Amino acid sequence: MNTVKVQTFLNGLSRPDLVTLNKMVVSQIHKVDRDAGAMQAMQYHIGQRVEFKSRIGQWITATVYKINQKTLSVKTVDPPYNSWRVAFCYVRPSQS
């Protein structure tokens, strides 16, 4: 991207135009984030076994029971069958 041309363009805009442009940019950023989340969600399905690391560093195996916009809702495979909501970036398909 040619930042000099962009800066020149922005310098020619009025405040209302800048506010409108800002709203458009923020809206586009949110759309890109939603699309990225949807792509991550498509990697998983309900009933799939997954793994993630707990806060104390222990690997936990769980089963997906709900796919949310930003997280997976999972239940552990072993007792006491705890429920967790885990962000996509912390989850991987189970190795077992």
N, C-alpha and C. Protein backbone atom coordinates (compact mmCIF):
# COMPACT_ATOMS: atom_id res chain seq x y z
N MET A 1 0.85 -1.17 0.00
CA MET A 1 0.00 0.00 0.00
C MET A 1 0.89 1.24 0.00
N ASN A 2 0.49 2.22 -0.76
CA ASN A 2 1.23 3.46 -0.84
C ASN A 2 0.71 4.40 0.24
N THR A 3 1.43 4.46 1.36
CA THR A 3 0.96 5.25 2.50
C THR A 3 0.96 6.75 2.23
N VAL A 4 1.83 7.21 1.36
CA VAL A 4 1.87 8.64 1.03
C VAL A 4 0.58 9.04 0.33
N LYS A 5 0.12 8.23 -0.63
CA LYS A 5 -1.12 8.52 -1.34
C LYS A 5 -2.31 8.45 -0.39
N VAL A 6 -2.29 7.48 0.52
CA VAL A 6 -3.39 7.36 1.49
C VAL A 6 -3.42 8.59 2.39
N GLN A 7 -2.26 9.02 2.89
CA GLN A 7 -2.19 10.19 3.76
C GLN A 7 -2.66 11.44 3.02
N THR A 8 -2.28 11.58 1.76
CA THR A 8 -2.72 12.72 0.96
C THR A 8 -4.24 12.71 0.80
N PHE A 9 -4.78 11.52 0.52
CA PHE A 9 -6.24 11.38 0.39
C PHE A 9 -6.92 11.76 1.70
N LEU A 10 -6.42 11.26 2.82
CA LEU A 10 -7.03 11.55 4.12
C LEU A 10 -6.96 13.03 4.47
N ASN A 11 -5.87 13.68 4.11
CA ASN A 11 -5.72 15.11 4.40
C ASN A 11 -6.79 15.94 3.68
N GLY A 12 -7.31 15.44 2.58
CA GLY A 12 -8.32 16.18 1.82
C GLY A 12 -9.74 15.96 2.31
N LEU A 13 -9.93 15.08 3.30
CA LEU A 13 -11.29 14.78 3.78
C LEU A 13 -11.70 15.69 4.92
N SER A 14 -12.99 15.96 4.97
CA SER A 14 -13.54 16.74 6.08
C SER A 14 -13.74 15.82 7.29
N ARG A 15 -14.03 16.41 8.44
CA ARG A 15 -14.25 15.61 9.64
C ARG A 15 -15.42 14.65 9.47
N PRO A 16 -16.57 15.09 8.95
CA PRO A 16 -17.67 14.13 8.75
C PRO A 16 -17.30 12.98 7.80
N ASP A 17 -16.51 13.30 6.77
CA ASP A 17 -16.06 12.24 5.85
C ASP A 17 -15.14 11.26 6.57
N LEU A 18 -14.26 11.78 7.43
CA LEU A 18 -13.36 10.91 8.19
C LEU A 18 -14.13 10.01 9.15
N VAL A 19 -15.17 10.57 9.79
CA VAL A 19 -15.99 9.77 10.71
C VAL A 19 -16.69 8.65 9.94
N THR A 20 -17.23 8.97 8.77
CA THR A 20 -17.89 7.96 7.94
C THR A 20 -16.89 6.90 7.50
N LEU A 21 -15.72 7.32 7.06
CA LEU A 21 -14.69 6.38 6.65
C LEU A 21 -14.26 5.49 7.82
N ASN A 22 -14.13 6.07 9.01
CA ASN A 22 -13.76 5.30 10.19
C ASN A 22 -14.80 4.22 10.48
N LYS A 23 -16.08 4.56 10.39
CA LYS A 23 -17.14 3.57 10.62
C LYS A 23 -17.06 2.43 9.61
N MET A 24 -16.75 2.78 8.36
CA MET A 24 -16.62 1.76 7.33
C MET A 24 -15.43 0.83 7.60
N VAL A 25 -14.31 1.42 8.03
CA VAL A 25 -13.11 0.62 8.32
C VAL A 25 -13.36 -0.30 9.51
N VAL A 26 -13.95 0.22 10.57
CA VAL A 26 -14.24 -0.60 11.75
C VAL A 26 -15.20 -1.73 11.38
N SER A 27 -16.20 -1.44 10.59
CA SER A 27 -17.15 -2.45 10.15
C SER A 27 -16.45 -3.54 9.35
N GLN A 28 -15.53 -3.16 8.49
CA GLN A 28 -14.78 -4.14 7.69
C GLN A 28 -13.88 -5.00 8.57
N ILE A 29 -13.26 -4.40 9.56
CA ILE A 29 -12.40 -5.16 10.48
C ILE A 29 -13.24 -6.19 11.23
N HIS A 30 -14.42 -5.81 11.69
CA HIS A 30 -15.30 -6.75 12.39
C HIS A 30 -15.72 -7.89 11.47
N LYS A 31 -15.99 -7.58 10.20
CA LYS A 31 -16.38 -8.62 9.24
C LYS A 31 -15.23 -9.61 9.04
N VAL A 32 -14.03 -9.11 8.89
CA VAL A 32 -12.87 -9.98 8.71
C VAL A 32 -12.69 -10.88 9.94
N ASP A 33 -12.85 -10.31 11.13
CA ASP A 33 -12.74 -11.10 12.36
C ASP A 33 -13.82 -12.18 12.43
N ARG A 34 -15.05 -11.83 12.06
CA ARG A 34 -16.15 -12.82 12.05
C ARG A 34 -15.86 -13.94 11.07
N ASP A 35 -15.38 -13.57 9.88
CA ASP A 35 -15.07 -14.57 8.86
C ASP A 35 -13.95 -15.50 9.33
N ALA A 36 -12.94 -14.94 9.99
CA ALA A 36 -11.84 -15.76 10.50
C ALA A 36 -12.35 -16.73 11.56
N GLY A 37 -13.23 -16.26 12.43
CA GLY A 37 -13.81 -17.12 13.46
C GLY A 37 -14.65 -18.23 12.84
N ALA A 38 -15.38 -17.90 11.79
CA ALA A 38 -16.21 -18.91 11.12
C ALA A 38 -15.33 -19.97 10.47
N MET A 39 -14.20 -19.56 9.91
CA MET A 39 -13.29 -20.52 9.30
C MET A 39 -12.71 -21.45 10.36
N GLN A 40 -12.37 -20.92 11.52
CA GLN A 40 -11.86 -21.75 12.61
C GLN A 40 -12.93 -22.71 13.10
N ALA A 41 -14.15 -22.23 13.20
CA ALA A 41 -15.25 -23.07 13.69
C ALA A 41 -15.52 -24.23 12.75
N MET A 42 -15.28 -24.04 11.46
CA MET A 42 -15.55 -25.09 10.49
C MET A 42 -14.59 -26.27 10.62
N GLN A 43 -13.51 -26.10 11.36
CA GLN A 43 -12.55 -27.18 11.55
C GLN A 43 -13.04 -28.22 12.56
N TYR A 44 -14.10 -27.90 13.29
CA TYR A 44 -14.58 -28.77 14.36
C TYR A 44 -16.04 -29.15 14.13
N HIS A 45 -16.46 -30.24 14.75
CA HIS A 45 -17.85 -30.66 14.68
C HIS A 45 -18.29 -31.21 16.03
N ILE A 46 -19.57 -31.17 16.28
CA ILE A 46 -20.11 -31.66 17.54
C ILE A 46 -19.83 -33.15 17.65
N GLY A 47 -19.37 -33.55 18.83
CA GLY A 47 -19.01 -34.94 19.07
C GLY A 47 -17.54 -35.24 18.86
N GLN A 48 -16.81 -34.29 18.29
CA GLN A 48 -15.38 -34.49 18.02
C GLN A 48 -14.58 -34.42 19.32
N ARG A 49 -13.57 -35.27 19.42
CA ARG A 49 -12.66 -35.23 20.56
C ARG A 49 -11.57 -34.19 20.28
N VAL A 50 -11.29 -33.37 21.28
CA VAL A 50 -10.28 -32.33 21.17
C VAL A 50 -9.41 -32.34 22.42
N GLU A 51 -8.31 -31.63 22.34
CA GLU A 51 -7.40 -31.48 23.48
C GLU A 51 -7.09 -30.01 23.67
N PHE A 52 -6.83 -29.65 24.91
CA PHE A 52 -6.35 -28.31 25.23
C PHE A 52 -5.59 -28.37 26.53
N LYS A 53 -4.75 -27.38 26.75
CA LYS A 53 -3.96 -27.32 27.97
C LYS A 53 -4.69 -26.49 29.02
N SER A 54 -4.76 -27.04 30.24
CA SER A 54 -5.39 -26.29 31.33
C SER A 54 -4.44 -25.19 31.79
N ARG A 55 -4.91 -24.37 32.70
CA ARG A 55 -4.08 -23.27 33.21
C ARG A 55 -2.84 -23.77 33.94
N ILE A 56 -2.91 -25.00 34.45
CA ILE A 56 -1.74 -25.54 35.15
C ILE A 56 -0.84 -26.38 34.23
N GLY A 57 -1.15 -26.38 32.93
CA GLY A 57 -0.29 -27.04 31.96
C GLY A 57 -0.62 -28.49 31.68
N GLN A 58 -1.71 -28.99 32.20
CA GLN A 58 -2.11 -30.38 31.98
C GLN A 58 -2.97 -30.47 30.73
N TRP A 59 -2.68 -31.48 29.86
CA TRP A 59 -3.49 -31.68 28.67
C TRP A 59 -4.80 -32.33 29.06
N ILE A 60 -5.89 -31.76 28.58
CA ILE A 60 -7.24 -32.26 28.88
C ILE A 60 -7.90 -32.69 27.59
N THR A 61 -8.47 -33.88 27.58
CA THR A 61 -9.22 -34.38 26.43
C THR A 61 -10.70 -34.15 26.69
N ALA A 62 -11.40 -33.66 25.70
CA ALA A 62 -12.81 -33.33 25.87
C ALA A 62 -13.56 -33.58 24.56
N THR A 63 -14.88 -33.55 24.65
CA THR A 63 -15.75 -33.73 23.50
C THR A 63 -16.52 -32.44 23.24
N VAL A 64 -16.56 -32.01 21.99
CA VAL A 64 -17.27 -30.79 21.61
C VAL A 64 -18.77 -31.04 21.69
N TYR A 65 -19.49 -30.19 22.43
CA TYR A 65 -20.95 -30.30 22.44
C TYR A 65 -21.64 -29.06 21.90
N LYS A 66 -20.88 -27.97 21.67
CA LYS A 66 -21.47 -26.76 21.08
C LYS A 66 -20.35 -25.95 20.44
N ILE A 67 -20.64 -25.38 19.28
CA ILE A 67 -19.68 -24.52 18.59
C ILE A 67 -20.21 -23.10 18.63
N ASN A 68 -19.49 -22.23 19.32
CA ASN A 68 -19.87 -20.83 19.47
C ASN A 68 -19.09 -19.98 18.47
N GLN A 69 -19.33 -18.68 18.46
CA GLN A 69 -18.64 -17.80 17.52
C GLN A 69 -17.14 -17.75 17.76
N LYS A 70 -16.74 -17.69 19.03
CA LYS A 70 -15.32 -17.54 19.34
C LYS A 70 -14.74 -18.72 20.12
N THR A 71 -15.59 -19.61 20.60
CA THR A 71 -15.13 -20.70 21.45
C THR A 71 -15.84 -22.01 21.11
N LEU A 72 -15.27 -23.08 21.65
CA LEU A 72 -15.93 -24.37 21.64
C LEU A 72 -16.39 -24.66 23.06
N SER A 73 -17.60 -25.16 23.20
CA SER A 73 -18.06 -25.65 24.50
C SER A 73 -17.78 -27.14 24.51
N VAL A 74 -17.03 -27.59 25.51
CA VAL A 74 -16.61 -28.99 25.57
C VAL A 74 -16.85 -29.56 26.95
N LYS A 75 -16.98 -30.88 27.02
CA LYS A 75 -17.06 -31.60 28.29
C LYS A 75 -15.91 -32.58 28.34
N THR A 76 -15.26 -32.65 29.49
CA THR A 76 -14.13 -33.56 29.63
C THR A 76 -14.58 -35.00 29.47
N VAL A 77 -13.68 -35.81 28.97
CA VAL A 77 -13.96 -37.22 28.72
C VAL A 77 -13.93 -38.02 30.02
N ASP A 78 -13.04 -37.64 30.92
CA ASP A 78 -12.87 -38.36 32.18
C ASP A 78 -13.61 -37.66 33.31
N PRO A 79 -14.03 -38.42 34.34
CA PRO A 79 -14.66 -37.79 35.50
C PRO A 79 -13.76 -36.70 36.05
N PRO A 80 -14.28 -35.62 36.53
CA PRO A 80 -15.67 -35.34 36.90
C PRO A 80 -16.50 -34.72 35.79
N TYR A 81 -16.14 -34.87 34.53
CA TYR A 81 -16.94 -34.40 33.39
C TYR A 81 -17.25 -32.91 33.47
N ASN A 82 -16.21 -32.14 33.62
CA ASN A 82 -16.36 -30.68 33.69
C ASN A 82 -16.66 -30.10 32.31
N SER A 83 -17.37 -28.99 32.30
CA SER A 83 -17.63 -28.25 31.06
C SER A 83 -16.67 -27.07 30.98
N TRP A 84 -16.20 -26.80 29.76
CA TRP A 84 -15.28 -25.69 29.52
C TRP A 84 -15.72 -24.96 28.26
N ARG A 85 -15.41 -23.68 28.19
CA ARG A 85 -15.48 -22.93 26.94
C ARG A 85 -14.05 -22.56 26.61
N VAL A 86 -13.60 -23.02 25.45
CA VAL A 86 -12.19 -22.86 25.10
C VAL A 86 -12.09 -22.15 23.74
N ALA A 87 -11.27 -21.11 23.67
CA ALA A 87 -11.05 -20.39 22.41
C ALA A 87 -10.41 -21.32 21.40
N PHE A 88 -10.74 -21.12 20.13
CA PHE A 88 -10.22 -21.97 19.05
C PHE A 88 -8.70 -22.07 19.06
N CYS A 89 -8.04 -20.98 19.41
CA CYS A 89 -6.57 -20.96 19.36
C CYS A 89 -5.93 -21.87 20.39
N TYR A 90 -6.68 -22.31 21.40
CA TYR A 90 -6.14 -23.19 22.44
C TYR A 90 -6.52 -24.65 22.26
N VAL A 91 -7.29 -24.96 21.24
CA VAL A 91 -7.81 -26.31 21.04
C VAL A 91 -7.15 -26.95 19.82
N ARG A 92 -6.97 -28.26 19.91
CA ARG A 92 -6.50 -29.01 18.75
C ARG A 92 -7.25 -30.35 18.72
N PRO A 93 -7.38 -30.95 17.55
CA PRO A 93 -8.01 -32.27 17.49
C PRO A 93 -7.23 -33.26 18.36
N SER A 94 -7.94 -34.15 19.00
CA SER A 94 -7.32 -35.12 19.91
C SER A 94 -6.37 -36.05 19.16
N GLN A 95 -5.24 -36.35 19.78
CA GLN A 95 -4.25 -37.25 19.18
C GLN A 95 -4.63 -38.71 19.42
N SER A 96 -5.55 -38.98 20.35
CA SER A 96 -5.91 -40.37 20.66
C SER A 96 -7.22 -40.77 20.04
